[in-house]
Amino acid sequence: INMAIFLLLLVFGGVGARVTFSDNAYNDVLVYIHPDVPEDVRLLDNINKTFTSASALLHRASHQHFYFGTITIYIPHTWTTKTFYEDVDQESRDNMDVFIEPSRADGDHSSNAPFTPNFKGCEQMGEYIHFTNTFML
């Protein structure tokens, strides 16, 4: 995964309905996995690795000023419950910063390339960052 693209999308793409910034850290980033994404522990590992790598890149690029702090991954109810999963307080797709959806091929999004939908027009904040599970694996 190209960390520079991810980092630019997240930090400069204008997303962040819930993201807070304190003590030089981007906190409260919500990753929402669509219920139709097949359960795969590699996906969770890769999300973790992606944010860890992007945080290190951001920290270096900002001359040790900024990094990613707390990240919450919303595990779909369709996945097997694990003891280390914690309940998320009424989080929903409306609050997500990163959306992971099943891979698909339709007229609008026929590739697995990440994108940031923007329904508000040019120079306005995007809604969220979109990845497919195939891209993240």
Foldseek 3Di string as FASTA:
>chain_A
DPLVVVLCCQPVQQEALPFDADQQETADAEEEEDLPADDDVLLVVLVVVSQVVNQVVVCVVVVNRHGYDYYHYHDHPNDDDDPPDDDDDPDDPQRHAEYEYAQDDDPPDRDQDKDFDDPPDPPHHTHHIYGYSVVSD
